[in-house]
Every structure is written in C-alpha cells, then in structure tokens.
Amino acid sequence: MQIIVRDNNVDKALRVLKKKLMQEGVMREMRLREHFEKPSVKRAREKAEAIRRARKLVQKKLNREFGIVAKKPAKHQRSK
C-alpha cells in the first residue's frame, strides 16, 4: 500500500491511509488479534456475523425486488 504526500500535507495523507486501512479491514483485524480469543467465543462471533450478513442480503434482495423495507427487529433492552 502506498500513500503519496502532496504539498507536505502529512495530516491529509494520514487520513487517506486510515481510510484505506479501514476499507481493507486491517484495523478490525488488529483489534481482533489484540487479545487471545477462545475458540468457542470465536465460533460464536463468526456465527453471529454470518447471521447478520445473511439478514442483510435478504433485506437487500427484498428491497430490490419489491421495494419492501423490512423492519429491524427490536434490540433487547436491559431492565434497570
């Protein structure tokens, strides 16, 4: 990966670098590898991510075909 610094504007070059790293998922990968993740926790996280991806795909398909926007399920709220 290469970022060109123009007019000695390092701040802008850093912003561009961070944006590219975010797009490629490097920052997310770094956060995940920061601490050891137990295999059972990793499986649960990956399963939840797969479910989110599948729901998002169905949502997009419904929206594209029928113009239907499905309601998001309510998140569980903690009782105080």
N, C-alpha and C. Protein backbone atom coordinates (compact mmCIF):
# COMPACT_ATOMS: atom_id res chain seq x y z
N MET A 1 0.86 -1.16 0.00
CA MET A 1 0.00 0.00 0.00
C MET A 1 0.91 1.23 0.00
N GLN A 2 0.55 2.20 -0.80
CA GLN A 2 1.39 3.38 -0.92
C GLN A 2 0.50 4.63 -0.89
N ILE A 3 0.90 5.58 -0.07
CA ILE A 3 0.18 6.83 0.05
C ILE A 3 1.15 7.95 -0.34
N ILE A 4 0.72 8.82 -1.22
CA ILE A 4 1.57 9.92 -1.67
C ILE A 4 1.26 11.16 -0.84
N VAL A 5 2.31 11.77 -0.29
CA VAL A 5 2.16 13.01 0.49
C VAL A 5 2.37 14.18 -0.47
N ARG A 6 1.35 14.99 -0.59
CA ARG A 6 1.43 16.14 -1.50
C ARG A 6 1.51 17.44 -0.71
N ASP A 7 2.32 18.33 -1.16
CA ASP A 7 2.48 19.65 -0.54
C ASP A 7 2.81 19.55 0.95
N ASN A 8 3.56 18.54 1.34
CA ASN A 8 3.93 18.32 2.74
C ASN A 8 2.72 18.26 3.69
N ASN A 9 1.60 17.82 3.18
CA ASN A 9 0.38 17.73 3.97
C ASN A 9 0.28 16.31 4.55
N VAL A 10 0.96 16.10 5.67
CA VAL A 10 1.01 14.78 6.28
C VAL A 10 -0.34 14.41 6.91
N ASP A 11 -1.06 15.39 7.44
CA ASP A 11 -2.35 15.11 8.07
C ASP A 11 -3.32 14.49 7.07
N LYS A 12 -3.38 15.05 5.88
CA LYS A 12 -4.29 14.52 4.87
C LYS A 12 -3.84 13.13 4.43
N ALA A 13 -2.54 12.93 4.30
CA ALA A 13 -2.02 11.62 3.92
C ALA A 13 -2.37 10.57 4.98
N LEU A 14 -2.29 10.95 6.26
CA LEU A 14 -2.66 10.03 7.34
C LEU A 14 -4.14 9.67 7.28
N ARG A 15 -4.98 10.66 6.99
CA ARG A 15 -6.41 10.38 6.87
C ARG A 15 -6.69 9.41 5.74
N VAL A 16 -6.00 9.61 4.61
CA VAL A 16 -6.18 8.72 3.47
C VAL A 16 -5.72 7.31 3.82
N LEU A 17 -4.58 7.21 4.52
CA LEU A 17 -4.06 5.90 4.93
C LEU A 17 -5.04 5.19 5.85
N LYS A 18 -5.56 5.90 6.86
CA LYS A 18 -6.51 5.30 7.79
C LYS A 18 -7.76 4.81 7.07
N LYS A 19 -8.22 5.60 6.10
CA LYS A 19 -9.42 5.24 5.35
C LYS A 19 -9.18 3.96 4.55
N LYS A 20 -7.99 3.86 3.92
CA LYS A 20 -7.68 2.65 3.15
C LYS A 20 -7.56 1.44 4.06
N LEU A 21 -6.94 1.62 5.22
CA LEU A 21 -6.81 0.52 6.17
C LEU A 21 -8.17 0.05 6.65
N MET A 22 -9.07 0.99 6.90
CA MET A 22 -10.42 0.63 7.34
C MET A 22 -11.16 -0.15 6.25
N GLN A 23 -11.04 0.31 4.99
CA GLN A 23 -11.73 -0.35 3.89
C GLN A 23 -11.24 -1.78 3.70
N GLU A 24 -9.96 -2.01 3.92
CA GLU A 24 -9.41 -3.35 3.72
C GLU A 24 -9.57 -4.23 4.96
N GLY A 25 -10.07 -3.68 6.04
CA GLY A 25 -10.33 -4.47 7.24
C GLY A 25 -9.11 -4.71 8.11
N VAL A 26 -8.04 -3.98 7.88
CA VAL A 26 -6.82 -4.17 8.66
C VAL A 26 -7.04 -3.74 10.10
N MET A 27 -7.73 -2.63 10.31
CA MET A 27 -7.96 -2.12 11.66
C MET A 27 -8.80 -3.11 12.48
N ARG A 28 -9.82 -3.67 11.85
CA ARG A 28 -10.69 -4.63 12.53
C ARG A 28 -9.89 -5.88 12.90
N GLU A 29 -9.06 -6.32 11.97
CA GLU A 29 -8.23 -7.50 12.22
C GLU A 29 -7.27 -7.25 13.37
N MET A 30 -6.70 -6.05 13.44
CA MET A 30 -5.79 -5.72 14.53
C MET A 30 -6.51 -5.76 15.87
N ARG A 31 -7.72 -5.21 15.90
CA ARG A 31 -8.49 -5.22 17.15
C ARG A 31 -8.80 -6.65 17.59
N LEU A 32 -9.13 -7.52 16.62
CA LEU A 32 -9.46 -8.90 16.96
C LEU A 32 -8.24 -9.66 17.47
N ARG A 33 -7.07 -9.35 16.94
CA ARG A 33 -5.86 -10.07 17.32
C ARG A 33 -5.15 -9.45 18.51
N GLU A 34 -5.69 -8.37 19.03
CA GLU A 34 -5.06 -7.68 20.16
C GLU A 34 -4.98 -8.58 21.39
N HIS A 35 -6.03 -9.38 21.60
CA HIS A 35 -6.07 -10.30 22.73
C HIS A 35 -6.46 -11.67 22.23
N PHE A 36 -6.10 -12.68 22.98
CA PHE A 36 -6.46 -14.05 22.61
C PHE A 36 -7.97 -14.22 22.69
N GLU A 37 -8.51 -14.89 21.68
CA GLU A 37 -9.94 -15.16 21.66
C GLU A 37 -10.14 -16.67 21.72
N LYS A 38 -10.87 -17.12 22.73
CA LYS A 38 -11.09 -18.54 22.88
C LYS A 38 -11.82 -19.09 21.65
N PRO A 39 -11.53 -20.33 21.27
CA PRO A 39 -12.18 -20.90 20.09
C PRO A 39 -13.70 -20.89 20.15
N SER A 40 -14.26 -21.11 21.33
CA SER A 40 -15.73 -21.11 21.45
C SER A 40 -16.29 -19.71 21.22
N VAL A 41 -15.58 -18.69 21.72
CA VAL A 41 -16.02 -17.31 21.54
C VAL A 41 -15.87 -16.91 20.07
N LYS A 42 -14.81 -17.39 19.44
CA LYS A 42 -14.57 -17.09 18.03
C LYS A 42 -15.68 -17.69 17.17
N ARG A 43 -16.04 -18.94 17.45
CA ARG A 43 -17.13 -19.58 16.70
C ARG A 43 -18.43 -18.83 16.86
N ALA A 44 -18.74 -18.42 18.09
CA ALA A 44 -19.98 -17.68 18.34
C ALA A 44 -19.98 -16.35 17.61
N ARG A 45 -18.85 -15.65 17.61
CA ARG A 45 -18.76 -14.36 16.93
C ARG A 45 -18.92 -14.53 15.42
N GLU A 46 -18.24 -15.53 14.87
CA GLU A 46 -18.33 -15.77 13.43
C GLU A 46 -19.74 -16.18 13.02
N LYS A 47 -20.41 -16.96 13.86
CA LYS A 47 -21.78 -17.37 13.57
C LYS A 47 -22.71 -16.16 13.57
N ALA A 48 -22.54 -15.28 14.56
CA ALA A 48 -23.36 -14.07 14.63
C ALA A 48 -23.11 -13.18 13.42
N GLU A 49 -21.85 -13.07 12.99
CA GLU A 49 -21.53 -12.26 11.81
C GLU A 49 -22.18 -12.85 10.57
N ALA A 50 -22.18 -14.18 10.45
CA ALA A 50 -22.79 -14.83 9.30
C ALA A 50 -24.29 -14.59 9.27
N ILE A 51 -24.91 -14.63 10.44
CA ILE A 51 -26.36 -14.37 10.52
C ILE A 51 -26.66 -12.95 10.10
N ARG A 52 -25.83 -11.99 10.57
CA ARG A 52 -26.03 -10.59 10.18
C ARG A 52 -25.88 -10.40 8.67
N ARG A 53 -24.86 -11.06 8.09
CA ARG A 53 -24.65 -10.96 6.64
C ARG A 53 -25.84 -11.52 5.89
N ALA A 54 -26.36 -12.68 6.33
CA ALA A 54 -27.49 -13.32 5.65
C ALA A 54 -28.73 -12.44 5.72
N ARG A 55 -28.99 -11.86 6.90
CA ARG A 55 -30.16 -10.98 7.05
C ARG A 55 -30.03 -9.75 6.16
N LYS A 56 -28.83 -9.21 6.11
CA LYS A 56 -28.59 -8.03 5.29
C LYS A 56 -28.82 -8.35 3.81
N LEU A 57 -28.39 -9.54 3.37
CA LEU A 57 -28.57 -9.96 2.00
C LEU A 57 -30.05 -10.11 1.66
N VAL A 58 -30.81 -10.73 2.56
CA VAL A 58 -32.25 -10.89 2.36
C VAL A 58 -32.92 -9.53 2.30
N GLN A 59 -32.50 -8.63 3.19
CA GLN A 59 -33.06 -7.27 3.23
C GLN A 59 -32.85 -6.57 1.88
N LYS A 60 -31.63 -6.65 1.37
CA LYS A 60 -31.32 -6.01 0.09
C LYS A 60 -32.11 -6.63 -1.04
N LYS A 61 -32.25 -7.97 -1.01
CA LYS A 61 -32.98 -8.66 -2.07
C LYS A 61 -34.46 -8.26 -2.07
N LEU A 62 -35.07 -8.21 -0.89
CA LEU A 62 -36.47 -7.78 -0.79
C LEU A 62 -36.64 -6.35 -1.28
N ASN A 63 -35.73 -5.51 -0.87
CA ASN A 63 -35.81 -4.11 -1.24
C ASN A 63 -35.67 -3.94 -2.76
N ARG A 64 -34.74 -4.70 -3.35
CA ARG A 64 -34.50 -4.60 -4.78
C ARG A 64 -35.69 -5.13 -5.58
N GLU A 65 -36.25 -6.27 -5.17
CA GLU A 65 -37.31 -6.91 -5.94
C GLU A 65 -38.68 -6.26 -5.74
N PHE A 66 -39.01 -5.94 -4.52
CA PHE A 66 -40.36 -5.48 -4.22
C PHE A 66 -40.44 -4.06 -3.68
N GLY A 67 -39.32 -3.47 -3.41
CA GLY A 67 -39.33 -2.14 -2.81
C GLY A 67 -39.79 -2.18 -1.36
N ILE A 68 -39.67 -3.36 -0.76
CA ILE A 68 -40.11 -3.54 0.62
C ILE A 68 -38.94 -3.26 1.56
N VAL A 69 -39.20 -2.48 2.57
CA VAL A 69 -38.19 -2.25 3.59
C VAL A 69 -38.69 -2.92 4.85
N ALA A 70 -38.06 -4.04 5.20
CA ALA A 70 -38.46 -4.78 6.39
C ALA A 70 -38.02 -4.04 7.64
N LYS A 71 -38.84 -4.15 8.68
CA LYS A 71 -38.49 -3.50 9.94
C LYS A 71 -37.38 -4.27 10.62
N LYS A 72 -36.49 -3.53 11.26
CA LYS A 72 -35.42 -4.17 12.01
C LYS A 72 -36.00 -4.73 13.30
N PRO A 73 -35.56 -5.90 13.72
CA PRO A 73 -36.05 -6.44 14.99
C PRO A 73 -35.57 -5.57 16.14
N ALA A 74 -36.43 -5.42 17.13
CA ALA A 74 -36.09 -4.59 18.29
C ALA A 74 -34.95 -5.24 19.05
N LYS A 75 -34.00 -4.41 19.46
CA LYS A 75 -32.89 -4.94 20.25
C LYS A 75 -33.35 -5.16 21.68
N HIS A 76 -32.75 -6.15 22.33
CA HIS A 76 -33.08 -6.43 23.72
C HIS A 76 -32.59 -5.26 24.58
N GLN A 77 -33.47 -4.77 25.40
CA GLN A 77 -33.10 -3.68 26.30
C GLN A 77 -32.96 -4.23 27.71
N ARG A 78 -31.97 -3.74 28.39
CA ARG A 78 -31.78 -4.16 29.77
C ARG A 78 -32.81 -3.50 30.66
N SER A 79 -33.28 -4.24 31.62
CA SER A 79 -34.17 -3.65 32.60
C SER A 79 -33.34 -3.16 33.77
N LYS A 80 -33.67 -2.00 34.26
CA LYS A 80 -32.89 -1.39 35.34
C LYS A 80 -33.38 -1.81 36.69
